[in-house]
Amino acid sequence: MNAPLRRVGIVVMVLFGLLFVNLNWVQAYKADEYRTSDYNGRVQVAEYERKRGIIEAGGTPLASSRETGGKLKFLRTYPKDELYAHVIGYKPVNMAATGIEKSENEFLAGTSDQLFGDRVRDLFTGNQTAGGNILLTLSPRAQETAYRELTENRRGVTKGAAVALDPTTGAIQALVSMPSFDPNPLADHDTEQAQAAYDKLDADEDGPLKNRALAETFPPGSTFKVITSAAALENGYTPETRIPAGSSYLPPTAGTPIRNAASSICPEAQVTLTEALTESCNTGFAQLGVKLTADVLKAEARQFGFEDDELAVGRLNDGGQKVAASRTGEMTAPGGNDDPPQVAQSSIGQNNVRMTPLQGALVAAAVANDGRQMRPYLVQQQLGPDRTTDYYTAVPRQLREPVSAEVARQLQEMMVSVVQNGTGTNARISGYRVGGKTGTAETGGNSDDHGWFIGFAINDDGKPVSAVCVFLEAAGSGGSAEAARISQQIMRAVIADRGGR
């Protein structure tokens, strides 16, 4: 064999070798990824051979499938339209699934290893057993109240979010993001129409596809004063400790003084810590934060869940919808020392502090639950196609313990004072111990201030029944009072769902 042919032969052998290696790589390492890809058309067609399981809450179907008689045998439908969209998500034909439809896809589709026995039985019976069913923690009454009150708010706000959860378990009772969207067009079997519907939503400047409750962060304003208060209580202060206040405060090296929202708010030289929280005293908390230092504030915020990059909401034992990490941001000067103006602003929830509405609810829940913060979750049960076989039931578990029981009870009393005597009176519920904190967050530029409320309701037996956070984006003056009113309505719905008054 001459040299040129020998070289060609070697090249061909090398190419065959590389092809062989690549095929083995695909078979051994990439096959499962390609098989389960949302864009694998054959797999998707096969999925539509089997009726997808139901997603429900409180006996109310939220996602189900109906027979079409077409090539794709079952069409996914969402009977509540926009009401649960950011929780349920959607399951399209040629696009990526979202929400519970994504995180519980294999169980709903019947392809999960948990349902292997059903598939083996189908081989002998010739049936196509439906997928498994998902039962959520949501209270339909609370969810529908949250959606209605948000979308019909008295400030004319078009963007916001609401989250309510059980402080003793972490079970999410309501989760709404506004504006919402109708997932039904996105699940249409006409993929061109489904893509057009998605493109329209994606281009909407109000961002209806954004999950503002879980995946977006915003400056929390004065709701962060609960964390600053907790830091003080854990570092030698008491609710009756008097702190510097006054009508204005100029932090060292600052060019602009910090003032209170009104001249009537803590004009005194000193106020108690309880009075400062009740009145939402900016000057008091700004000076308190500078004295505590940035490191103390940051550490306290981390104890409540800030900087948590791992949290997801779904099942307690696996995955779910990713939650954006809340952040305290930078508070240091170029040399590494505390920057007093930044620390002062951060102490009142401004500067670079950012928080998700879920995080706000978790802060309130930890205070209500004597310092124990439970891991939030949405999936209560996985039931088999026959609805009798229980493959999973949530067993609540603690996420962290931000503060001691003693400090939590002190914070409870301080937050109750906010609702009874201060800025949160719209959240009062007769017969229940309600605590909370309003927040007005400056956004900079020409945008109106955000309105916040975080709070909790505790029954006569001393058991927390709900913790809530309501966020109204660019709500302007009166936004926090409206957020408190909406929070009260959501907590009342939870109470009614439990047979209370």
Protein backbone atom coordinates (compact mmCIF):
# COMPACT_ATOMS: atom_id res chain seq x y z
CA MET A 1 0.00 0.00 0.00
CA ASN A 2 1.50 3.37 -0.97
CA ALA A 3 1.90 6.25 1.51
CA PRO A 4 -1.08 8.40 0.37
CA LEU A 5 -3.52 5.48 0.69
CA ARG A 6 -2.06 4.61 4.08
CA ARG A 7 -2.66 8.17 5.28
CA VAL A 8 -6.24 8.13 3.98
CA GLY A 9 -6.82 4.82 5.76
CA ILE A 10 -5.50 6.21 9.03
CA VAL A 11 -7.72 9.28 8.74
CA VAL A 12 -10.80 7.11 8.04
CA MET A 13 -9.99 4.87 11.03
CA VAL A 14 -9.59 7.92 13.31
CA LEU A 15 -12.91 9.34 12.10
CA PHE A 16 -14.66 6.01 12.71
CA GLY A 17 -13.06 5.91 16.14
CA LEU A 18 -14.34 9.38 16.98
CA LEU A 19 -17.80 8.46 15.68
CA PHE A 20 -17.79 5.35 17.86
CA VAL A 21 -16.76 7.37 20.92
CA ASN A 22 -19.46 9.96 20.23
CA LEU A 23 -22.16 7.30 19.83
CA ASN A 24 -21.16 5.74 23.12
CA TRP A 25 -21.15 9.15 24.77
CA VAL A 26 -24.69 9.79 23.54
CA GLN A 27 -25.87 6.34 24.63
CA ALA A 28 -24.22 6.37 28.03
CA TYR A 29 -24.40 9.98 29.12
CA LYS A 30 -26.73 12.05 26.94
CA ALA A 31 -29.56 9.65 26.11
CA ASP A 32 -31.65 10.50 29.16
CA GLU A 33 -31.20 14.23 28.61
CA TYR A 34 -32.33 13.96 24.98
CA ARG A 35 -35.16 11.61 25.90
CA THR A 36 -36.61 13.96 28.51
CA SER A 37 -35.95 17.19 26.62
CA ASP A 38 -38.93 19.51 26.33
CA TYR A 39 -38.06 19.86 22.63
CA ASN A 40 -38.07 16.14 21.77
CA GLY A 41 -41.16 15.93 19.55
CA ARG A 42 -41.41 12.12 19.58
CA VAL A 43 -41.40 11.99 23.36
CA GLN A 44 -44.03 14.70 23.52
CA VAL A 45 -46.31 12.84 21.11
CA ALA A 46 -45.86 9.69 23.19
CA GLU A 47 -46.76 11.67 26.32
CA TYR A 48 -50.09 12.60 24.78
CA GLU A 49 -50.95 8.90 24.41
CA ARG A 50 -51.44 8.80 28.17
CA LYS A 51 -53.87 11.06 30.02
CA ARG A 52 -51.91 13.48 32.18
CA GLY A 53 -52.70 13.53 35.90
CA ILE A 54 -54.74 16.21 37.64
CA ILE A 55 -53.35 19.10 39.69
CA GLU A 56 -55.78 20.22 42.37
CA ALA A 57 -56.08 22.17 45.61
CA GLY A 58 -58.78 21.79 48.24
CA GLY A 59 -60.76 19.51 45.92
CA THR A 60 -60.69 22.10 43.11
CA PRO A 61 -59.17 20.89 39.80
CA LEU A 62 -56.58 23.39 38.57
CA ALA A 63 -55.15 21.44 35.61
CA SER A 64 -56.64 18.45 33.82
CA SER A 65 -56.70 16.81 30.38
CA ARG A 66 -59.56 16.15 27.98
CA GLU A 67 -59.65 13.82 25.00
CA THR A 68 -59.39 15.44 21.57
CA GLY A 69 -59.66 12.60 19.06
CA GLY A 70 -56.66 14.02 17.22
CA LYS A 71 -53.05 12.89 16.81
CA LEU A 72 -52.28 14.31 20.24
CA LYS A 73 -54.99 12.52 22.16
CA PHE A 74 -55.26 14.77 25.20
CA LEU A 75 -55.38 18.55 25.54
CA ARG A 76 -54.17 20.15 28.78
CA THR A 77 -56.70 22.63 30.18
CA TYR A 78 -56.63 25.11 33.04
CA PRO A 79 -60.19 25.80 34.23
CA LYS A 80 -59.23 28.71 36.52
CA ASP A 81 -57.44 30.63 33.75
CA GLU A 82 -55.23 33.37 35.31
CA LEU A 83 -56.00 32.56 38.97
CA TYR A 84 -53.29 29.95 39.54
CA ALA A 85 -51.07 30.52 36.52
CA HIS A 86 -47.82 31.33 38.34
CA VAL A 87 -48.16 28.28 40.58
CA ILE A 88 -49.40 25.71 38.06
CA GLY A 89 -47.46 27.03 35.09
CA TYR A 90 -48.29 25.36 31.76
CA LYS A 91 -47.37 22.29 29.69
CA PRO A 92 -46.98 23.22 26.00
CA VAL A 93 -46.31 20.92 23.08
CA ASN A 94 -43.12 22.46 21.69
CA MET A 95 -42.02 24.87 24.42
CA ALA A 96 -40.59 24.36 27.89
CA ALA A 97 -43.00 23.64 30.73
CA THR A 98 -43.10 25.88 33.82
CA GLY A 99 -44.34 25.80 37.41
CA ILE A 100 -45.73 22.62 38.95
CA GLU A 101 -46.28 21.27 35.44
CA LYS A 102 -42.49 21.30 35.07
CA SER A 103 -41.33 20.23 38.54
CA GLU A 104 -43.86 17.36 38.72
CA ASN A 105 -43.79 16.52 35.01
CA GLU A 106 -42.70 12.87 35.22
CA PHE A 107 -45.27 12.00 37.89
CA LEU A 108 -48.08 13.80 36.07
CA ALA A 109 -47.08 12.20 32.76
CA GLY A 110 -46.93 8.71 34.29
CA THR A 111 -43.25 8.23 33.35
CA SER A 112 -41.88 8.50 36.89
CA ASP A 113 -40.06 5.50 38.38
CA GLN A 114 -42.65 5.67 41.18
CA LEU A 115 -45.32 4.59 38.67
CA PHE A 116 -43.30 1.74 37.14
CA GLY A 117 -45.76 -0.84 38.46
CA ASP A 118 -48.64 0.83 36.63
CA ARG A 119 -46.73 0.76 33.36
CA VAL A 120 -45.87 -2.94 33.79
CA ARG A 121 -49.54 -3.70 34.45
CA ASP A 122 -50.46 -1.82 31.28
CA LEU A 123 -48.26 -4.21 29.26
CA PHE A 124 -50.59 -7.06 30.23
CA THR A 125 -53.90 -5.21 30.15
CA GLY A 126 -53.27 -3.10 27.06
CA ASN A 127 -54.51 -0.03 28.95
CA GLN A 128 -52.81 3.35 29.12
CA THR A 129 -53.14 4.19 32.81
CA ALA A 130 -53.29 7.93 33.43
CA GLY A 131 -50.48 9.79 35.09
CA GLY A 132 -50.32 10.51 38.80
CA ASN A 133 -52.15 13.34 40.55
CA ILE A 134 -50.73 16.28 42.49
CA LEU A 135 -52.51 17.81 45.48
CA LEU A 136 -51.33 21.29 46.42
CA THR A 137 -51.28 23.08 49.77
CA LEU A 138 -53.14 26.11 48.43
CA SER A 139 -56.39 27.27 50.00
CA PRO A 140 -58.70 28.04 47.06
CA ARG A 141 -60.53 30.63 49.16
CA ALA A 142 -57.30 32.39 50.11
CA GLN A 143 -55.87 32.14 46.59
CA GLU A 144 -58.97 33.57 44.98
CA THR A 145 -59.19 36.31 47.61
CA ALA A 146 -55.54 37.25 47.05
CA TYR A 147 -56.05 37.38 43.28
CA ARG A 148 -59.26 39.40 43.50
CA GLU A 149 -57.96 41.90 46.05
CA LEU A 150 -54.70 42.39 44.17
CA THR A 151 -56.29 42.90 40.78
CA GLU A 152 -59.04 45.13 42.19
CA ASN A 153 -56.78 47.06 44.56
CA ARG A 154 -57.82 50.58 45.54
CA ARG A 155 -54.61 52.19 44.29
CA GLY A 156 -55.04 51.17 40.65
CA VAL A 157 -51.75 49.27 40.77
CA THR A 158 -51.18 46.80 37.92
CA LYS A 159 -48.13 44.96 39.25
CA GLY A 160 -47.57 43.19 42.55
CA ALA A 161 -47.63 39.90 44.44
CA ALA A 162 -49.07 38.19 47.48
CA VAL A 163 -47.89 35.16 49.45
CA ALA A 164 -49.51 33.51 52.46
CA LEU A 165 -48.26 30.46 54.30
CA ASP A 166 -48.84 28.46 57.47
CA PRO A 167 -46.11 29.54 59.93
CA THR A 168 -46.21 26.20 61.76
CA THR A 169 -45.70 24.00 58.67
CA GLY A 170 -44.48 26.16 55.77
CA ALA A 171 -47.46 25.08 53.61
CA ILE A 172 -48.18 27.84 51.10
CA GLN A 173 -51.81 28.96 51.35
CA ALA A 174 -51.82 31.52 48.53
CA LEU A 175 -49.35 32.65 45.89
CA VAL A 176 -50.32 35.27 43.32
CA SER A 177 -48.29 37.39 40.91
CA MET A 178 -49.89 40.35 39.11
CA PRO A 179 -50.38 40.74 36.21
CA SER A 180 -51.14 37.11 35.52
CA PHE A 181 -51.86 35.27 32.26
CA ASP A 182 -54.15 32.61 30.86
CA PRO A 183 -52.09 29.42 30.36
CA ASN A 184 -54.68 27.78 28.08
CA PRO A 185 -53.48 29.33 24.77
CA LEU A 186 -49.93 28.24 25.60
CA ALA A 187 -51.01 24.59 25.76
CA ASP A 188 -52.84 24.74 22.42
CA HIS A 189 -51.99 21.86 20.07
CA ASP A 190 -51.63 24.37 17.24
CA THR A 191 -48.00 25.11 18.01
CA GLU A 192 -47.88 28.24 15.87
CA GLN A 193 -50.79 29.73 17.78
CA ALA A 194 -49.21 28.67 21.10
CA GLN A 195 -45.91 30.31 20.12
CA ALA A 196 -47.70 33.48 19.06
CA ALA A 197 -49.54 33.60 22.40
CA TYR A 198 -46.24 33.19 24.24
CA ASP A 199 -44.48 35.84 22.16
CA LYS A 200 -47.25 38.33 22.91
CA LEU A 201 -46.98 37.70 26.67
CA ASP A 202 -43.20 37.81 26.54
CA ALA A 203 -43.27 41.17 24.78
CA ASP A 204 -45.74 42.72 27.24
CA GLU A 205 -43.89 45.48 29.11
CA ASP A 206 -45.81 44.67 32.32
CA GLY A 207 -44.17 41.23 32.37
CA PRO A 208 -47.14 38.90 33.01
CA LEU A 209 -44.87 35.85 32.72
CA LYS A 210 -42.68 37.09 35.57
CA ASN A 211 -43.31 35.41 38.91
CA ARG A 212 -43.03 38.44 41.16
CA ALA A 213 -43.79 36.36 44.25
CA LEU A 214 -40.81 34.01 43.88
CA ALA A 215 -38.44 35.09 41.13
CA GLU A 216 -38.23 38.90 41.45
CA THR A 217 -36.67 41.03 44.19
CA PHE A 218 -37.56 44.59 45.21
CA PRO A 219 -36.44 47.13 47.84
CA PRO A 220 -38.44 46.17 50.96
CA GLY A 221 -38.52 49.57 52.62
CA SER A 222 -39.56 49.64 56.25
CA THR A 223 -40.52 45.95 56.41
CA PHE A 224 -36.74 45.41 56.81
CA LYS A 225 -36.98 47.21 60.17
CA VAL A 226 -38.24 43.91 61.61
CA ILE A 227 -34.82 42.42 60.85
CA THR A 228 -33.01 45.48 62.22
CA SER A 229 -35.16 45.17 65.37
CA ALA A 230 -34.26 41.48 65.67
CA ALA A 231 -30.56 42.35 65.40
CA ALA A 232 -30.95 44.90 68.20
CA LEU A 233 -32.86 42.48 70.45
CA GLU A 234 -30.19 39.83 69.96
CA ASN A 235 -27.47 42.33 70.87
CA GLY A 236 -28.58 43.58 74.26
CA TYR A 237 -31.53 45.83 73.44
CA THR A 238 -35.06 45.34 74.76
CA PRO A 239 -38.36 46.59 73.36
CA GLU A 240 -38.21 49.38 75.95
CA THR A 241 -34.64 50.45 75.21
CA ARG A 242 -34.59 54.10 74.16
CA ILE A 243 -32.79 54.83 70.90
CA PRO A 244 -31.85 58.17 69.28
CA ALA A 245 -34.50 59.50 66.91
CA GLY A 246 -35.44 63.05 65.88
CA SER A 247 -36.90 64.69 62.80
CA SER A 248 -33.73 64.17 60.74
CA TYR A 249 -30.40 62.34 60.87
CA LEU A 250 -27.27 63.03 58.86
CA PRO A 251 -25.01 59.97 58.84
CA PRO A 252 -21.25 60.65 58.95
CA THR A 253 -19.89 61.52 55.48
CA ALA A 254 -23.45 61.74 54.06
CA GLY A 255 -24.53 64.68 51.96
CA THR A 256 -28.29 64.25 52.44
CA PRO A 257 -30.07 63.72 55.78
CA ILE A 258 -32.52 60.89 56.41
CA ARG A 259 -35.98 62.12 57.37
CA ASN A 260 -39.22 60.52 58.49
CA ALA A 261 -42.27 60.17 56.27
CA ALA A 262 -44.06 62.92 58.25
CA SER A 263 -43.01 65.56 60.78
CA SER A 264 -45.28 63.94 63.40
CA ILE A 265 -43.25 60.70 63.35
CA CYS A 266 -40.79 60.42 66.28
CA PRO A 267 -39.69 64.07 66.46
CA GLU A 268 -38.43 63.34 69.99
CA ALA A 269 -34.72 63.01 70.66
CA GLN A 270 -35.27 59.44 71.84
CA VAL A 271 -38.00 56.78 71.48
CA THR A 272 -38.29 53.17 72.61
CA LEU A 273 -37.56 50.41 70.13
CA THR A 274 -41.25 49.47 70.18
CA GLU A 275 -42.29 53.06 69.49
CA ALA A 276 -39.78 53.28 66.64
CA LEU A 277 -41.24 50.19 64.93
CA THR A 278 -44.84 51.24 65.65
CA GLU A 279 -44.35 54.68 64.10
CA SER A 280 -41.87 53.44 61.46
CA CYS A 281 -39.20 55.87 62.59
CA ASN A 282 -36.57 56.19 59.84
CA THR A 283 -34.19 58.35 61.85
CA GLY A 284 -34.28 55.94 64.80
CA PHE A 285 -33.58 52.82 62.74
CA ALA A 286 -30.93 54.53 60.61
CA GLN A 287 -28.96 55.49 63.73
CA LEU A 288 -29.57 52.07 65.26
CA GLY A 289 -28.20 50.32 62.17
CA VAL A 290 -25.05 52.43 62.11
CA LYS A 291 -24.43 51.59 65.76
CA LEU A 292 -25.07 47.85 65.23
CA THR A 293 -22.72 47.80 62.16
CA ALA A 294 -23.11 46.31 58.70
CA ASP A 295 -21.79 42.91 59.73
CA VAL A 296 -24.46 42.53 62.41
CA LEU A 297 -27.24 43.56 60.04
CA LYS A 298 -26.02 41.24 57.30
CA ALA A 299 -25.68 38.32 59.71
CA GLU A 300 -29.20 38.86 61.03
CA ALA A 301 -30.64 39.02 57.52
CA ARG A 302 -28.86 35.76 56.63
CA GLN A 303 -30.40 34.12 59.68
CA PHE A 304 -33.83 35.00 58.29
CA GLY A 305 -32.97 33.61 54.83
CA PHE A 306 -31.33 36.42 52.89
CA GLU A 307 -28.54 35.28 50.54
CA ASP A 308 -30.09 31.78 50.25
CA ASP A 309 -29.31 30.69 46.67
CA GLU A 310 -30.64 27.13 47.10
CA LEU A 311 -34.29 27.57 48.07
CA ALA A 312 -36.94 26.07 45.78
CA VAL A 313 -40.67 25.66 46.35
CA GLY A 314 -42.41 22.43 45.37
CA ARG A 315 -42.05 19.13 47.19
CA LEU A 316 -40.09 19.13 50.42
CA ASN A 317 -37.88 16.26 49.28
CA ASP A 318 -37.02 17.36 45.76
CA GLY A 319 -36.79 20.43 43.56
CA GLY A 320 -39.58 22.79 42.70
CA GLN A 321 -39.68 26.37 41.47
CA LYS A 322 -36.47 28.29 42.09
CA VAL A 323 -36.70 31.22 44.48
CA ALA A 324 -34.56 34.29 43.81
CA ALA A 325 -32.18 35.07 46.67
CA SER A 326 -32.97 38.17 48.72
CA ARG A 327 -29.91 40.39 49.20
CA THR A 328 -28.66 42.98 51.66
CA GLY A 329 -26.14 44.40 49.20
CA GLU A 330 -22.95 46.33 49.86
CA MET A 331 -22.61 48.63 52.89
CA THR A 332 -18.86 49.26 52.86
CA ALA A 333 -16.60 52.08 51.71
CA PRO A 334 -13.74 51.44 49.22
CA GLY A 335 -11.33 50.73 52.09
CA GLY A 336 -13.52 47.93 53.44
CA ASN A 337 -14.89 49.78 56.49
CA ASP A 338 -18.58 50.43 57.06
CA ASP A 339 -19.99 53.23 54.93
CA PRO A 340 -22.36 54.98 57.39
CA PRO A 341 -24.75 56.41 54.76
CA GLN A 342 -25.14 52.99 53.13
CA VAL A 343 -25.58 51.24 56.47
CA ALA A 344 -28.15 53.82 57.56
CA GLN A 345 -30.16 53.46 54.34
CA SER A 346 -29.91 49.65 54.43
CA SER A 347 -31.24 49.61 58.01
CA ILE A 348 -34.52 51.01 56.72
CA GLY A 349 -34.69 48.68 53.72
CA GLN A 350 -33.24 51.04 51.12
CA ASN A 351 -29.79 51.31 49.48
CA ASN A 352 -29.11 47.91 47.84
CA VAL A 353 -31.44 45.75 49.97
CA ARG A 354 -33.71 43.57 47.82
CA MET A 355 -36.34 41.01 48.90
CA THR A 356 -38.83 38.62 47.34
CA PRO A 357 -42.43 38.66 48.60
CA LEU A 358 -41.94 35.03 49.68
CA GLN A 359 -39.02 36.12 51.86
CA GLY A 360 -41.23 38.78 53.44
CA ALA A 361 -43.80 36.13 54.36
CA LEU A 362 -41.03 33.89 55.75
CA VAL A 363 -39.79 36.70 58.01
CA ALA A 364 -43.28 37.24 59.43
CA ALA A 365 -43.82 33.47 59.75
CA ALA A 366 -40.61 32.97 61.75
CA VAL A 367 -41.64 35.69 64.20
CA ALA A 368 -45.13 34.21 64.58
CA ASN A 369 -43.76 30.68 65.05
CA ASP A 370 -41.59 31.57 68.06
CA GLY A 371 -38.43 31.93 66.00
CA ARG A 372 -38.70 28.75 63.91
CA GLN A 373 -38.81 29.23 60.14
CA MET A 374 -40.33 26.25 58.35
CA ARG A 375 -39.35 25.26 54.81
CA PRO A 376 -42.04 26.53 52.40
CA TYR A 377 -43.70 24.01 50.08
CA LEU A 378 -46.53 23.71 47.56
CA VAL A 379 -47.00 19.96 47.01
CA GLN A 380 -49.00 18.29 49.76
CA GLN A 381 -49.43 14.85 48.16
CA GLN A 382 -48.61 12.72 45.15
CA LEU A 383 -51.49 10.31 44.53
CA GLY A 384 -51.46 7.45 42.05
CA PRO A 385 -53.80 7.27 39.04
CA ASP A 386 -56.32 5.39 41.19
CA ARG A 387 -56.22 8.24 43.75
CA THR A 388 -55.87 5.72 46.57
CA THR A 389 -52.13 5.01 46.43
CA ASP A 390 -50.16 7.64 48.32
CA TYR A 391 -46.66 8.02 46.88
CA TYR A 392 -45.73 11.11 48.87
CA THR A 393 -47.19 13.19 51.70
CA ALA A 394 -45.40 16.30 52.90
CA VAL A 395 -43.88 16.09 56.37
CA PRO A 396 -43.09 19.68 57.43
CA ARG A 397 -39.54 20.42 58.47
CA GLN A 398 -37.69 23.35 59.91
CA LEU A 399 -35.57 25.43 57.56
CA ARG A 400 -33.72 27.53 60.14
CA GLU A 401 -34.11 29.28 63.50
CA PRO A 402 -33.45 32.98 62.89
CA VAL A 403 -34.03 34.13 66.49
CA SER A 404 -34.66 32.63 69.91
CA ALA A 405 -38.20 32.07 71.15
CA GLU A 406 -37.77 34.97 73.59
CA VAL A 407 -36.71 37.41 70.88
CA ALA A 408 -39.50 36.16 68.60
CA ARG A 409 -42.10 36.83 71.29
CA GLN A 410 -40.69 40.33 71.81
CA LEU A 411 -40.92 40.95 68.06
CA GLN A 412 -44.49 39.62 68.08
CA GLU A 413 -45.52 42.22 70.65
CA MET A 414 -43.75 44.98 68.74
CA MET A 415 -45.45 43.97 65.48
CA VAL A 416 -48.84 43.70 67.22
CA SER A 417 -48.28 47.30 68.37
CA VAL A 418 -47.79 48.31 64.72
CA VAL A 419 -51.24 46.92 63.87
CA GLN A 420 -52.98 48.14 67.01
CA ASN A 421 -51.41 51.58 67.35
CA GLY A 422 -49.34 52.37 64.29
CA THR A 423 -49.17 52.17 60.52
CA GLY A 424 -50.76 48.73 60.09
CA THR A 425 -54.26 49.27 61.45
CA ASN A 426 -55.85 48.09 58.18
CA ALA A 427 -54.71 44.55 59.01
CA ARG A 428 -56.71 44.17 62.24
CA ILE A 429 -58.92 41.08 62.55
CA SER A 430 -61.42 40.90 65.40
CA GLY A 431 -60.72 37.99 67.76
CA TYR A 432 -57.17 37.41 66.46
CA ARG A 433 -53.78 38.69 67.50
CA VAL A 434 -52.48 40.34 64.36
CA GLY A 435 -48.98 41.74 64.01
CA GLY A 436 -47.26 43.26 61.05
CA LYS A 437 -45.08 45.91 59.49
CA THR A 438 -45.79 48.26 56.63
CA GLY A 439 -43.15 49.34 54.17
CA THR A 440 -42.82 52.19 51.70
CA ALA A 441 -39.81 51.75 49.43
CA GLU A 442 -38.33 54.51 47.33
CA THR A 443 -37.42 53.28 43.86
CA GLY A 444 -35.47 56.23 42.45
CA GLY A 445 -36.14 58.00 39.19
CA ASN A 446 -39.71 58.99 38.37
CA SER A 447 -41.37 55.81 39.64
CA ASP A 448 -43.77 55.93 42.58
CA ASP A 449 -42.85 54.23 45.84
CA HIS A 450 -43.59 50.54 46.36
CA GLY A 451 -46.08 49.53 49.06
CA TRP A 452 -45.48 46.53 51.33
CA PHE A 453 -47.01 44.74 54.28
CA ILE A 454 -45.76 41.65 56.10
CA GLY A 455 -47.76 40.20 58.98
CA PHE A 456 -49.32 37.27 60.81
CA ALA A 457 -52.51 36.22 62.59
CA ILE A 458 -52.51 34.15 65.81
CA ASN A 459 -55.68 32.59 67.24
CA ASP A 460 -56.97 32.56 70.84
CA ASP A 461 -55.01 29.37 71.55
CA GLY A 462 -51.76 31.09 70.64
CA LYS A 463 -51.35 29.17 67.38
CA PRO A 464 -50.32 31.09 64.25
CA VAL A 465 -52.78 30.47 61.42
CA SER A 466 -51.23 32.50 58.62
CA ALA A 467 -48.30 34.72 57.71
CA VAL A 468 -48.58 36.97 54.71
CA CYS A 469 -46.71 39.40 52.49
CA VAL A 470 -48.38 41.74 50.02
CA PHE A 471 -46.36 43.84 47.59
CA LEU A 472 -47.78 46.62 45.40
CA GLU A 473 -45.32 47.87 42.80
CA ALA A 474 -45.16 51.64 42.31
CA ALA A 475 -48.25 52.11 44.49
CA GLY A 476 -47.38 55.63 45.65
CA SER A 477 -48.80 57.30 48.72
CA GLY A 478 -51.10 54.97 50.65
CA GLY A 479 -49.66 51.85 49.03
CA SER A 480 -48.55 50.24 52.30
CA ALA A 481 -51.95 50.87 53.91
CA GLU A 482 -53.62 49.16 50.94
CA ALA A 483 -51.16 46.27 51.19
CA ALA A 484 -52.15 45.90 54.86
CA ARG A 485 -55.86 45.84 53.93
CA ILE A 486 -55.29 43.17 51.29
CA SER A 487 -53.24 41.13 53.77
CA GLN A 488 -56.13 41.25 56.23
CA GLN A 489 -58.52 39.94 53.57
CA ILE A 490 -56.19 37.05 52.70
CA MET A 491 -55.71 36.04 56.34
CA ARG A 492 -59.47 36.25 56.92
CA ALA A 493 -59.95 33.87 53.97
CA VAL A 494 -57.50 31.38 55.53
CA ILE A 495 -59.33 31.65 58.84
CA ALA A 496 -62.70 31.06 57.13
CA ASP A 497 -61.25 28.04 55.30
CA ARG A 498 -60.38 26.56 58.68
CA GLY A 499 -63.87 27.11 60.03
CA GLY A 500 -62.97 30.22 62.00
CA ARG A 501 -64.75 33.54 62.01
